Amino acid sequence: MTIVKYKTNIQCTGCIKSLTPVLNNLDNIDSWKVDLDHQDRFLEVELDDDKKDVVFNAVKGLGFEIEEIQ
């Protein structure tokens, strides 16, 4: 398992609502969460493989900014 953390511009529960079906339908994601309380709106994703680009492309495809944190 791999845990990847991203900085995003996800702002509210409405944003999470639009993101939920997309991330929940990705095969390589075991779990995910967004920290709306932090100014950088961290998205933390637990992957069962190392295909981080799938998550990046899915979030970017919805129009959100996303940047992996090393």
C-alpha atoms as a PDB file:
ATOM      1  CA  MET A   1       0.000   0.000   0.000  1.00  0.00           C
ATOM      2  CA  THR A   2       1.069   3.507  -0.785  1.00  0.00           C
ATOM      3  CA  ILE A   3      -0.204   6.704   0.808  1.00  0.00           C
ATOM      4  CA  VAL A   4       0.065   9.783  -1.381  1.00  0.00           C
ATOM      5  CA  LYS A   5      -0.688  13.320  -0.259  1.00  0.00           C
ATOM      6  CA  TYR A   6      -1.708  16.137  -2.591  1.00  0.00           C
ATOM      7  CA  LYS A   7      -2.223  19.861  -2.168  1.00  0.00           C
ATOM      8  CA  THR A   8      -5.500  20.863  -3.858  1.00  0.00           C
ATOM      9  CA  ASN A   9      -7.958  23.725  -4.215  1.00  0.00           C
ATOM     10  CA  ILE A  10     -10.952  21.647  -3.129  1.00  0.00           C
ATOM     11  CA  GLN A  11     -12.990  24.175  -1.131  1.00  0.00           C
ATOM     12  CA  CYS A  12     -16.156  22.645   0.255  1.00  0.00           C
ATOM     13  CA  THR A  13     -18.398  19.634   0.722  1.00  0.00           C
ATOM     14  CA  GLY A  14     -19.932  20.351  -2.689  1.00  0.00           C
ATOM     15  CA  CYS A  15     -16.500  19.863  -4.262  1.00  0.00           C
ATOM     16  CA  ILE A  16     -16.091  16.618  -2.349  1.00  0.00           C
ATOM     17  CA  LYS A  17     -19.533  15.527  -3.531  1.00  0.00           C
ATOM     18  CA  SER A  18     -18.444  15.906  -7.167  1.00  0.00           C
ATOM     19  CA  LEU A  19     -15.141  14.173  -6.456  1.00  0.00           C
ATOM     20  CA  THR A  20     -16.616  11.208  -4.561  1.00  0.00           C
ATOM     21  CA  PRO A  21     -18.033   9.132  -7.444  1.00  0.00           C
ATOM     22  CA  VAL A  22     -14.891   9.643  -9.511  1.00  0.00           C
ATOM     23  CA  LEU A  23     -12.416   8.565  -6.826  1.00  0.00           C
ATOM     24  CA  ASN A  24     -14.652   5.790  -5.510  1.00  0.00           C
ATOM     25  CA  ASN A  25     -14.780   4.246  -8.981  1.00  0.00           C
ATOM     26  CA  LEU A  26     -11.002   4.060  -9.407  1.00  0.00           C
ATOM     27  CA  ASP A  27      -9.825   0.487  -8.906  1.00  0.00           C
ATOM     28  CA  ASN A  28      -6.490   1.272  -7.290  1.00  0.00           C
ATOM     29  CA  ILE A  29      -7.830   3.465  -4.451  1.00  0.00           C
ATOM     30  CA  ASP A  30      -8.456   1.825  -1.084  1.00  0.00           C
ATOM     31  CA  SER A  31      -9.441   5.026   0.732  1.00  0.00           C
ATOM     32  CA  TRP A  32      -9.198   8.789   0.473  1.00  0.00           C
ATOM     33  CA  LYS A  33      -9.980  11.927   2.465  1.00  0.00           C
ATOM     34  CA  VAL A  34      -9.763  15.692   2.090  1.00  0.00           C
ATOM     35  CA  ASP A  35      -8.750  17.990   4.944  1.00  0.00           C
ATOM     36  CA  LEU A  36     -10.978  21.029   4.424  1.00  0.00           C
ATOM     37  CA  ASP A  37      -9.729  22.565   7.676  1.00  0.00           C
ATOM     38  CA  HIS A  38      -6.169  22.996   6.378  1.00  0.00           C
ATOM     39  CA  GLN A  39      -5.488  25.948   4.090  1.00  0.00           C
ATOM     40  CA  ASP A  40      -3.782  23.660   1.546  1.00  0.00           C
ATOM     41  CA  ARG A  41      -6.839  21.357   1.338  1.00  0.00           C
ATOM     42  CA  PHE A  42      -4.800  18.180   1.510  1.00  0.00           C
ATOM     43  CA  LEU A  43      -6.106  15.131  -0.322  1.00  0.00           C
ATOM     44  CA  GLU A  44      -4.695  11.919   1.136  1.00  0.00           C
ATOM     45  CA  VAL A  45      -5.119   8.774  -0.930  1.00  0.00           C
ATOM     46  CA  GLU A  46      -4.301   5.182  -0.009  1.00  0.00           C
ATOM     47  CA  LEU A  47      -3.409   3.255  -3.154  1.00  0.00           C
ATOM     48  CA  ASP A  48      -2.968  -0.468  -3.617  1.00  0.00           C
ATOM     49  CA  ASP A  49      -0.382   0.169  -6.356  1.00  0.00           C
ATOM     50  CA  ASP A  50       1.875   3.015  -7.445  1.00  0.00           C
ATOM     51  CA  LYS A  51      -0.334   4.431 -10.217  1.00  0.00           C
ATOM     52  CA  LYS A  52      -0.501   7.944  -8.772  1.00  0.00           C
ATOM     53  CA  ASP A  53      -1.122   9.467 -12.189  1.00  0.00           C
ATOM     54  CA  VAL A  54      -4.625   7.943 -12.254  1.00  0.00           C
ATOM     55  CA  VAL A  55      -5.603   9.971  -9.182  1.00  0.00           C
ATOM     56  CA  PHE A  56      -3.878  13.105 -10.456  1.00  0.00           C
ATOM     57  CA  ASN A  57      -5.622  12.911 -13.830  1.00  0.00           C
ATOM     58  CA  ALA A  58      -9.031  12.185 -12.281  1.00  0.00           C
ATOM     59  CA  VAL A  59      -8.887  15.184  -9.944  1.00  0.00           C
ATOM     60  CA  LYS A  60      -7.420  17.456 -12.632  1.00  0.00           C
ATOM     61  CA  GLY A  61     -10.128  16.272 -15.045  1.00  0.00           C
ATOM     62  CA  LEU A  62     -12.778  17.644 -12.685  1.00  0.00           C
ATOM     63  CA  GLY A  63     -11.154  21.068 -12.887  1.00  0.00           C
ATOM     64  CA  PHE A  64      -9.371  21.078  -9.537  1.00  0.00           C
ATOM     65  CA  GLU A  65      -5.771  22.085  -9.025  1.00  0.00           C
ATOM     66  CA  ILE A  66      -3.654  19.266  -7.637  1.00  0.00           C
ATOM     67  CA  GLU A  67       0.011  18.976  -6.717  1.00  0.00           C
ATOM     68  CA  GLU A  68       1.718  15.985  -5.170  1.00  0.00           C
ATOM     69  CA  ILE A  69       3.543  16.666  -1.926  1.00  0.00           C
ATOM     70  CA  GLN A  70       6.857  14.865  -1.614  1.00  0.00           C
END
